[in-house]
Amino acid sequence: MRIRYYLKLGFKTGIKKFKLVIYLWLIVLILAMLAAAPLNYLLRINISHLFIEKPPFMPFELHLAEIFIANQNFFSPYFYFLFFLFLLVILFSIFLNAGLFSRLITSESRITFSEFLADGSYYFGKFFLATLIYLPFFILLFTLFRLLALPVDIFTEKAVSEWPMVIGSNLKILLFILLWTVFKLIFDLVRIVMIFESKKVLPALEQTFSFLKKHFFSLWGLYLILGLIFVVFSAIFLIVGRLLSSSQLFSLIITILLTQAIVIFRIFARTVFIGLEYCYYKENKI
């Protein structure tokens, strides 16, 4: 398997169409600013009295999730508002993914913002239907995870020291990550087939599984290698972020810039993953 060749194609696609990264970053930034006002209001009136000792440097949405999970009773009166906001995020995500996949796959010329929005609108229906169809696979993912993690749970329940608990917890995290990459790989490939082959959702799903019968481990291996590369770079970002102090104005400004750099980096990583999957499919399809 030509590992370096396909990795190079993936990075080349992401760099060549970096304008898409800027488009997505600006849209995400604007949407985040619009959503920040009501969320900030809820946080201030509900948990502003709580003492949070120097929160860890992590992606914004993960830190919010941690707050919501730990203080669910505070936000129960706003369930419908938060649920509506969650649905909006999903719909915008489907729209943005439709534009991203289409421009990465079909565009060989100069990319414009109007074309990106037009493609998002054109493929929104197919991508929305694909998301609905993949909900059972999402449930299957968690069911399979629970079954495969059962031996680990039995092992940790019988533990008499702390180390088996630590090992078991890390094994479960690794197992979930591996299963999640399989789910993401299949889901991405279905959307690539829908656009590249101009197929509807179910025929694209059938062709995806037919393709993966022969190429699953090769493509999954490439996916994991690329994922490991980006994990290393992400760890460097986080280490640098932890070295900065938010008590100083200069460090605070650098932290804000670094946070935005992480967002851009994550979007760029997404384009590279899609580029790699598309290039591999295009060169190996029957």
Protein backbone atom coordinates (compact mmCIF):
# COMPACT_ATOMS: atom_id res chain seq x y z
CA MET A 1 0.00 0.00 0.00
CA ARG A 2 1.39 3.42 -1.01
CA ILE A 3 1.00 5.14 2.34
CA ARG A 4 3.08 8.23 1.59
CA TYR A 5 1.43 8.64 -1.80
CA TYR A 6 -2.12 8.78 -0.43
CA LEU A 7 -1.15 10.91 2.56
CA LYS A 8 0.48 13.35 0.15
CA LEU A 9 -2.69 13.44 -1.97
CA GLY A 10 -4.79 14.15 1.13
CA PHE A 11 -2.57 17.03 2.27
CA LYS A 12 -2.35 18.35 -1.29
CA THR A 13 -6.15 18.48 -1.51
CA GLY A 14 -6.43 20.29 1.83
CA ILE A 15 -3.75 22.85 0.93
CA LYS A 16 -5.02 23.40 -2.62
CA LYS A 17 -8.53 24.13 -1.35
CA PHE A 18 -7.56 25.93 1.84
CA LYS A 19 -10.04 28.68 0.95
CA LEU A 20 -12.77 26.28 2.09
CA VAL A 21 -11.13 26.18 5.52
CA ILE A 22 -11.33 29.98 5.73
CA TYR A 23 -14.98 29.95 4.65
CA LEU A 24 -15.90 27.38 7.28
CA TRP A 25 -13.87 29.12 9.99
CA LEU A 26 -15.59 32.45 9.37
CA ILE A 27 -19.04 30.83 9.36
CA VAL A 28 -18.30 28.87 12.54
CA LEU A 29 -16.88 32.00 14.20
CA ILE A 30 -19.98 34.07 13.37
CA LEU A 31 -22.37 31.31 14.48
CA ALA A 32 -20.39 30.79 17.69
CA MET A 33 -20.57 34.51 18.47
CA LEU A 34 -24.34 34.51 17.87
CA ALA A 35 -24.79 31.46 20.10
CA ALA A 36 -22.40 32.75 22.76
CA ALA A 37 -24.73 35.51 23.96
CA PRO A 38 -27.64 33.30 25.15
CA LEU A 39 -25.28 30.59 26.39
CA ASN A 40 -23.21 33.12 28.30
CA TYR A 41 -26.40 34.50 29.85
CA LEU A 42 -27.45 31.02 31.02
CA LEU A 43 -24.02 30.34 32.44
CA ARG A 44 -23.87 33.65 34.32
CA ILE A 45 -27.30 33.38 35.93
CA ASN A 46 -26.94 29.70 36.84
CA ILE A 47 -23.34 28.89 37.71
CA SER A 48 -21.55 32.23 38.03
CA HIS A 49 -21.46 31.65 41.78
CA LEU A 50 -19.53 28.42 41.37
CA PHE A 51 -15.78 28.42 41.77
CA ILE A 52 -13.97 26.92 38.80
CA GLU A 53 -10.26 26.69 39.49
CA LYS A 54 -8.39 27.56 36.29
CA PRO A 55 -10.35 25.44 33.75
CA PRO A 56 -8.24 23.16 31.55
CA PHE A 57 -7.20 24.32 28.10
CA MET A 58 -9.53 22.35 25.85
CA PRO A 59 -11.84 22.90 22.87
CA PHE A 60 -14.68 25.27 23.78
CA GLU A 61 -17.49 22.79 23.11
CA LEU A 62 -15.89 20.11 25.32
CA HIS A 63 -15.57 22.54 28.22
CA LEU A 64 -19.23 23.54 27.81
CA ALA A 65 -20.28 19.88 27.70
CA GLU A 66 -18.41 19.29 30.95
CA ILE A 67 -20.26 22.21 32.58
CA PHE A 68 -23.68 21.08 31.34
CA ILE A 69 -23.19 17.47 32.44
CA ALA A 70 -21.99 18.49 35.91
CA ASN A 71 -24.85 20.99 36.43
CA GLN A 72 -27.82 19.48 34.63
CA ASN A 73 -30.35 20.61 37.26
CA PHE A 74 -29.49 24.28 36.60
CA PHE A 75 -30.36 24.03 32.91
CA SER A 76 -33.49 21.86 33.04
CA PRO A 77 -35.85 24.90 32.70
CA TYR A 78 -34.11 25.76 29.42
CA PHE A 79 -34.37 22.28 27.95
CA TYR A 80 -36.47 23.27 24.92
CA PHE A 81 -34.23 26.25 24.12
CA LEU A 82 -31.08 24.13 24.35
CA PHE A 83 -32.71 21.34 22.33
CA PHE A 84 -33.71 23.85 19.63
CA LEU A 85 -30.17 25.23 19.59
CA PHE A 86 -28.83 21.67 19.29
CA LEU A 87 -31.09 20.99 16.28
CA LEU A 88 -29.93 24.20 14.61
CA VAL A 89 -26.31 23.14 15.08
CA ILE A 90 -27.05 19.77 13.45
CA LEU A 91 -28.81 21.38 10.46
CA PHE A 92 -26.02 23.91 9.94
CA SER A 93 -23.48 21.10 10.23
CA ILE A 94 -25.26 19.10 7.51
CA PHE A 95 -25.41 22.17 5.27
CA LEU A 96 -21.73 23.02 5.77
CA ASN A 97 -20.66 19.41 5.22
CA ALA A 98 -22.66 19.29 1.98
CA GLY A 99 -20.86 22.36 0.68
CA LEU A 100 -17.47 21.13 1.90
CA PHE A 101 -17.70 17.63 0.39
CA SER A 102 -19.03 18.94 -2.92
CA ARG A 103 -16.37 21.63 -3.37
CA LEU A 104 -13.58 19.22 -2.40
CA ILE A 105 -14.76 16.57 -4.84
CA THR A 106 -16.20 18.42 -7.84
CA SER A 107 -14.29 21.70 -7.94
CA GLU A 108 -11.15 21.80 -10.05
CA SER A 109 -11.24 25.53 -10.66
CA ARG A 110 -11.24 28.58 -8.41
CA ILE A 111 -13.52 28.14 -5.39
CA THR A 112 -16.02 30.88 -4.63
CA PHE A 113 -18.18 31.43 -1.58
CA SER A 114 -21.37 31.51 -3.66
CA GLU A 115 -20.56 28.08 -5.14
CA PHE A 116 -19.91 26.73 -1.66
CA LEU A 117 -23.32 27.96 -0.43
CA ALA A 118 -25.04 26.74 -3.62
CA ASP A 119 -23.59 23.24 -3.22
CA GLY A 120 -24.59 23.21 0.45
CA SER A 121 -28.19 23.94 -0.57
CA TYR A 122 -28.16 21.49 -3.51
CA TYR A 123 -26.88 18.48 -1.54
CA PHE A 124 -28.55 19.33 1.77
CA GLY A 125 -31.49 16.95 1.18
CA LYS A 126 -29.26 13.97 0.37
CA PHE A 127 -26.95 14.66 3.31
CA PHE A 128 -29.90 15.09 5.67
CA LEU A 129 -31.40 11.78 4.53
CA ALA A 130 -28.00 10.09 4.89
CA THR A 131 -27.79 11.36 8.47
CA LEU A 132 -31.22 9.91 9.27
CA ILE A 133 -30.34 6.58 7.68
CA TYR A 134 -27.12 6.44 9.67
CA LEU A 135 -28.83 6.85 13.04
CA PRO A 136 -29.35 3.04 13.33
CA PHE A 137 -25.63 2.58 12.60
CA PHE A 138 -24.87 5.07 15.36
CA ILE A 139 -26.97 3.01 17.78
CA LEU A 140 -25.21 -0.13 16.53
CA LEU A 141 -21.87 1.53 17.26
CA PHE A 142 -22.71 2.02 20.93
CA THR A 143 -24.26 -1.45 21.21
CA LEU A 144 -21.15 -3.04 19.74
CA PHE A 145 -18.97 -0.94 22.04
CA ARG A 146 -20.88 -2.13 25.09
CA LEU A 147 -20.56 -5.76 24.02
CA LEU A 148 -16.84 -5.55 23.26
CA ALA A 149 -16.18 -3.59 26.46
CA LEU A 150 -17.97 -6.19 28.59
CA PRO A 151 -14.83 -8.32 29.22
CA VAL A 152 -12.99 -5.16 30.27
CA ASP A 153 -15.80 -4.27 32.69
CA ILE A 154 -15.68 -7.76 34.20
CA PHE A 155 -11.91 -7.48 34.53
CA THR A 156 -12.06 -4.11 36.31
CA GLU A 157 -14.88 -5.18 38.63
CA LYS A 158 -12.65 -7.88 40.07
CA ALA A 159 -9.69 -5.53 40.46
CA VAL A 160 -8.18 -5.14 43.91
CA SER A 161 -5.88 -2.24 43.02
CA GLU A 162 -6.03 0.99 41.04
CA TRP A 163 -3.95 -0.07 38.04
CA PRO A 164 -6.48 -2.46 36.48
CA MET A 165 -9.06 0.34 36.62
CA VAL A 166 -6.70 2.73 34.81
CA ILE A 167 -5.76 0.13 32.19
CA GLY A 168 -9.40 -0.87 31.68
CA SER A 169 -10.52 2.75 31.28
CA ASN A 170 -7.82 3.43 28.67
CA LEU A 171 -8.68 0.24 26.80
CA LYS A 172 -12.34 1.29 26.63
CA ILE A 173 -11.38 4.74 25.33
CA LEU A 174 -9.15 3.18 22.68
CA LEU A 175 -11.90 0.74 21.69
CA PHE A 176 -14.44 3.52 21.32
CA ILE A 177 -12.03 5.63 19.23
CA LEU A 178 -11.39 2.70 16.88
CA LEU A 179 -15.11 2.01 16.45
CA TRP A 180 -15.80 5.72 15.96
CA THR A 181 -13.20 5.95 13.18
CA VAL A 182 -14.90 3.05 11.40
CA PHE A 183 -18.26 4.80 11.66
CA LYS A 184 -16.81 8.09 10.41
CA LEU A 185 -14.98 6.38 7.55
CA ILE A 186 -18.14 4.66 6.30
CA PHE A 187 -20.24 7.81 6.70
CA ASP A 188 -17.68 9.91 4.80
CA LEU A 189 -17.38 7.39 2.01
CA VAL A 190 -21.15 7.24 1.51
CA ARG A 191 -21.25 11.02 1.04
CA ILE A 192 -18.27 10.89 -1.32
CA VAL A 193 -20.01 8.24 -3.45
CA MET A 194 -23.24 10.26 -3.47
CA ILE A 195 -21.44 13.25 -4.99
CA PHE A 196 -18.76 11.59 -7.13
CA GLU A 197 -21.06 8.94 -8.60
CA SER A 198 -24.24 11.11 -8.52
CA LYS A 199 -26.09 8.40 -6.61
CA LYS A 200 -28.94 8.51 -4.15
CA VAL A 201 -28.39 7.58 -0.51
CA LEU A 202 -29.27 3.87 -0.49
CA PRO A 203 -27.38 3.00 -3.73
CA ALA A 204 -24.41 4.97 -2.37
CA LEU A 205 -24.60 3.00 0.88
CA GLU A 206 -24.66 -0.28 -1.05
CA GLN A 207 -21.70 0.74 -3.21
CA THR A 208 -19.76 1.88 -0.15
CA PHE A 209 -20.05 -1.51 1.54
CA SER A 210 -19.19 -3.23 -1.73
CA PHE A 211 -16.04 -1.11 -2.02
CA LEU A 212 -15.04 -1.64 1.62
CA LYS A 213 -15.26 -5.43 1.26
CA LYS A 214 -12.01 -5.22 -0.70
CA HIS A 215 -10.39 -2.08 0.65
CA PHE A 216 -11.55 -1.62 4.25
CA PHE A 217 -8.32 -2.41 6.11
CA SER A 218 -6.14 -0.48 3.65
CA LEU A 219 -8.30 2.64 3.81
CA TRP A 220 -8.87 2.33 7.56
CA GLY A 221 -5.13 1.98 8.10
CA LEU A 222 -4.53 5.20 6.17
CA TYR A 223 -7.28 6.89 8.17
CA LEU A 224 -5.67 5.85 11.48
CA ILE A 225 -2.18 6.94 10.39
CA LEU A 226 -3.49 10.34 9.33
CA GLY A 227 -5.46 10.60 12.56
CA LEU A 228 -2.32 9.85 14.59
CA ILE A 229 -0.45 12.63 12.76
CA PHE A 230 -3.11 15.18 13.64
CA VAL A 231 -3.33 13.93 17.23
CA VAL A 232 0.39 14.67 17.65
CA PHE A 233 -0.05 18.20 16.29
CA SER A 234 -3.15 18.73 18.47
CA ALA A 235 -1.15 17.66 21.54
CA ILE A 236 1.47 20.29 20.70
CA PHE A 237 -1.26 22.95 20.54
CA LEU A 238 -2.62 21.88 23.93
CA ILE A 239 0.82 21.82 25.55
CA VAL A 240 1.53 25.34 24.32
CA GLY A 241 -1.88 26.46 25.57
CA ARG A 242 -1.23 25.13 29.05
CA LEU A 243 2.00 27.12 29.25
CA LEU A 244 0.11 30.39 28.80
CA SER A 245 -1.39 32.32 31.70
CA SER A 246 -4.78 33.98 31.28
CA SER A 247 -3.97 36.49 34.05
CA GLN A 248 -1.74 38.54 31.75
CA LEU A 249 -3.18 40.55 28.84
CA PHE A 250 -0.54 39.45 26.33
CA SER A 251 -0.94 35.79 27.25
CA LEU A 252 -4.73 36.14 27.06
CA ILE A 253 -4.50 37.55 23.53
CA ILE A 254 -2.12 34.76 22.50
CA THR A 255 -4.51 32.21 24.04
CA ILE A 256 -7.43 33.60 22.02
CA LEU A 257 -5.35 33.53 18.82
CA LEU A 258 -4.16 30.01 19.63
CA THR A 259 -7.74 28.87 20.18
CA GLN A 260 -8.72 30.17 16.73
CA ALA A 261 -5.63 28.52 15.26
CA ILE A 262 -6.82 25.22 16.74
CA VAL A 263 -10.25 25.69 15.13
CA ILE A 264 -8.64 26.38 11.74
CA PHE A 265 -6.32 23.40 12.23
CA ARG A 266 -9.24 21.08 12.99
CA ILE A 267 -11.15 22.24 9.91
CA PHE A 268 -8.03 21.80 7.79
CA ALA A 269 -7.62 18.29 9.21
CA ARG A 270 -11.19 17.55 8.13
CA THR A 271 -10.45 18.61 4.55
CA VAL A 272 -7.33 16.43 4.50
CA PHE A 273 -9.28 13.38 5.72
CA ILE A 274 -11.95 13.88 3.05
CA GLY A 275 -9.28 14.46 0.40
CA LEU A 276 -7.49 11.24 1.34
CA GLU A 277 -10.71 9.19 1.33
CA TYR A 278 -11.81 10.66 -2.00
CA CYS A 279 -8.43 10.13 -3.71
CA TYR A 280 -8.22 6.55 -2.46
CA TYR A 281 -11.76 5.79 -3.65
CA LYS A 282 -11.24 7.43 -7.04
CA GLU A 283 -8.06 5.44 -7.74
CA ASN A 284 -9.31 2.06 -6.48
CA LYS A 285 -12.98 1.91 -7.46
CA ILE A 286 -13.91 -0.79 -9.95
